[in-house]
Amino acid sequence: MFAGGWAPVRDSAKDALRTVNLLKAIGFSQYVPANGAVYPQTDFGKGLRALAAIIKGDAGLEAAHLTSADGTRTPTRGRRRGRCTP
């Protein structure tokens, strides 16, 4: 499909299609949280649930980033004594 394309565009298109196919295989709607986990019905909670489904789906996730409604990275991160704390 992209065999004769310009290499940077071709490679990006192939990566995008592989990602779409991988995400289709995750089965987000069938994901059942483990150990009684309950995710809030907020955008952030839905993002956490989606990340959990990706992790449980063994998609090879190496890093993830979510932003909450107030712009913080996670609800437990913040500045304390002049440095970012985990």
C-alpha atoms as a PDB file:
ATOM      1  CA  MET A   1       0.000   0.000   0.000  1.00  0.00           C
ATOM      2  CA  PHE A   2       2.810   2.452   0.874  1.00  0.00           C
ATOM      3  CA  ALA A   3       5.663   0.641  -0.891  1.00  0.00           C
ATOM      4  CA  GLY A   4       6.562   3.470  -3.256  1.00  0.00           C
ATOM      5  CA  GLY A   5       5.920   6.370  -0.873  1.00  0.00           C
ATOM      6  CA  TRP A   6       8.394   8.902   0.424  1.00  0.00           C
ATOM      7  CA  ALA A   7      10.214   7.058   3.249  1.00  0.00           C
ATOM      8  CA  PRO A   8       9.377   9.344   6.230  1.00  0.00           C
ATOM      9  CA  VAL A   9       5.692   9.507   5.296  1.00  0.00           C
ATOM     10  CA  ARG A  10       5.548   5.821   4.369  1.00  0.00           C
ATOM     11  CA  ASP A  11       7.130   4.715   7.646  1.00  0.00           C
ATOM     12  CA  SER A  12       4.881   6.997   9.704  1.00  0.00           C
ATOM     13  CA  ALA A  13       1.797   5.703   7.891  1.00  0.00           C
ATOM     14  CA  LYS A  14       2.826   2.087   8.531  1.00  0.00           C
ATOM     15  CA  ASP A  15       3.406   2.845  12.227  1.00  0.00           C
ATOM     16  CA  ALA A  16       0.020   4.555  12.476  1.00  0.00           C
ATOM     17  CA  LEU A  17      -1.764   1.585  10.899  1.00  0.00           C
ATOM     18  CA  ARG A  18       0.026  -0.863  13.211  1.00  0.00           C
ATOM     19  CA  THR A  19      -1.017   1.258  16.201  1.00  0.00           C
ATOM     20  CA  VAL A  20      -4.645   1.397  15.068  1.00  0.00           C
ATOM     21  CA  ASN A  21      -4.713  -2.383  14.609  1.00  0.00           C
ATOM     22  CA  LEU A  22      -3.098  -2.914  18.013  1.00  0.00           C
ATOM     23  CA  LEU A  23      -5.640  -0.648  19.726  1.00  0.00           C
ATOM     24  CA  LYS A  24      -8.529  -2.379  17.937  1.00  0.00           C
ATOM     25  CA  ALA A  25      -7.343  -5.671  19.436  1.00  0.00           C
ATOM     26  CA  ILE A  26      -7.315  -4.341  23.037  1.00  0.00           C
ATOM     27  CA  GLY A  27     -11.071  -4.699  23.596  1.00  0.00           C
ATOM     28  CA  PHE A  28     -11.621  -1.573  25.691  1.00  0.00           C
ATOM     29  CA  SER A  29     -15.369  -2.165  26.107  1.00  0.00           C
ATOM     30  CA  GLN A  30     -14.780  -5.693  27.439  1.00  0.00           C
ATOM     31  CA  TYR A  31     -12.141  -4.630  29.983  1.00  0.00           C
ATOM     32  CA  VAL A  32     -13.044  -5.610  33.551  1.00  0.00           C
ATOM     33  CA  PRO A  33     -11.036  -3.884  36.309  1.00  0.00           C
ATOM     34  CA  ALA A  34      -9.187  -6.247  38.645  1.00  0.00           C
ATOM     35  CA  ASN A  35      -9.319  -6.359  42.443  1.00  0.00           C
ATOM     36  CA  GLY A  36     -12.494  -4.278  42.671  1.00  0.00           C
ATOM     37  CA  ALA A  37     -10.930  -1.178  41.112  1.00  0.00           C
ATOM     38  CA  VAL A  38     -13.445   1.559  40.378  1.00  0.00           C
ATOM     39  CA  TYR A  39     -12.550   4.396  38.027  1.00  0.00           C
ATOM     40  CA  PRO A  40     -14.308   7.760  38.357  1.00  0.00           C
ATOM     41  CA  GLN A  41     -16.602   8.808  35.509  1.00  0.00           C
ATOM     42  CA  THR A  42     -14.383  11.754  34.606  1.00  0.00           C
ATOM     43  CA  ASP A  43     -12.102  12.223  31.624  1.00  0.00           C
ATOM     44  CA  PHE A  44      -9.150  11.429  33.877  1.00  0.00           C
ATOM     45  CA  GLY A  45     -10.835   8.285  35.252  1.00  0.00           C
ATOM     46  CA  LYS A  46     -11.692   7.138  31.733  1.00  0.00           C
ATOM     47  CA  GLY A  47      -8.066   7.707  30.746  1.00  0.00           C
ATOM     48  CA  LEU A  48      -6.862   5.601  33.691  1.00  0.00           C
ATOM     49  CA  ARG A  49      -9.306   2.850  32.716  1.00  0.00           C
ATOM     50  CA  ALA A  50      -8.058   2.934  29.113  1.00  0.00           C
ATOM     51  CA  LEU A  51      -4.433   2.739  30.285  1.00  0.00           C
ATOM     52  CA  ALA A  52      -5.289  -0.216  32.504  1.00  0.00           C
ATOM     53  CA  ALA A  53      -6.895  -1.972  29.521  1.00  0.00           C
ATOM     54  CA  ILE A  54      -3.791  -1.331  27.412  1.00  0.00           C
ATOM     55  CA  ILE A  55      -1.527  -2.661  30.175  1.00  0.00           C
ATOM     56  CA  LYS A  56      -3.717  -5.716  30.751  1.00  0.00           C
ATOM     57  CA  GLY A  57      -3.884  -6.238  26.986  1.00  0.00           C
ATOM     58  CA  ASP A  58      -0.091  -6.614  26.971  1.00  0.00           C
ATOM     59  CA  ALA A  59       0.363  -4.058  24.200  1.00  0.00           C
ATOM     60  CA  GLY A  60       3.970  -3.349  25.140  1.00  0.00           C
ATOM     61  CA  LEU A  61       3.316   0.015  26.766  1.00  0.00           C
ATOM     62  CA  GLU A  62       6.568   1.536  28.000  1.00  0.00           C
ATOM     63  CA  ALA A  63       5.385   4.950  29.168  1.00  0.00           C
ATOM     64  CA  ALA A  64       2.110   6.808  29.533  1.00  0.00           C
ATOM     65  CA  HIS A  65       1.002  10.348  30.259  1.00  0.00           C
ATOM     66  CA  LEU A  66      -2.408  11.596  31.361  1.00  0.00           C
ATOM     67  CA  THR A  67      -3.436  15.150  32.095  1.00  0.00           C
ATOM     68  CA  SER A  68      -6.222  15.837  34.558  1.00  0.00           C
ATOM     69  CA  ALA A  69      -8.795  18.602  34.058  1.00  0.00           C
ATOM     70  CA  ASP A  70      -6.753  21.042  36.143  1.00  0.00           C
ATOM     71  CA  GLY A  71      -3.642  20.428  34.048  1.00  0.00           C
ATOM     72  CA  THR A  72      -1.642  18.377  36.550  1.00  0.00           C
ATOM     73  CA  ARG A  73      -0.008  15.162  35.402  1.00  0.00           C
ATOM     74  CA  THR A  74      -1.522  12.977  38.100  1.00  0.00           C
ATOM     75  CA  PRO A  75      -3.581  13.759  41.188  1.00  0.00           C
ATOM     76  CA  THR A  76      -0.683  12.722  43.456  1.00  0.00           C
ATOM     77  CA  ARG A  77       2.066  14.797  41.828  1.00  0.00           C
ATOM     78  CA  GLY A  78       2.851  18.255  42.982  1.00  0.00           C
ATOM     79  CA  ARG A  79       5.536  20.655  44.070  1.00  0.00           C
ATOM     80  CA  ARG A  80       6.857  20.238  47.546  1.00  0.00           C
ATOM     81  CA  ARG A  81       9.943  21.938  48.891  1.00  0.00           C
ATOM     82  CA  GLY A  82      10.847  23.235  45.436  1.00  0.00           C
ATOM     83  CA  ARG A  83      10.953  19.933  43.572  1.00  0.00           C
ATOM     84  CA  CYS A  84       8.533  17.611  41.900  1.00  0.00           C
ATOM     85  CA  THR A  85       7.546  14.702  44.146  1.00  0.00           C
ATOM     86  CA  PRO A  86       6.294  11.279  43.044  1.00  0.00           C
END
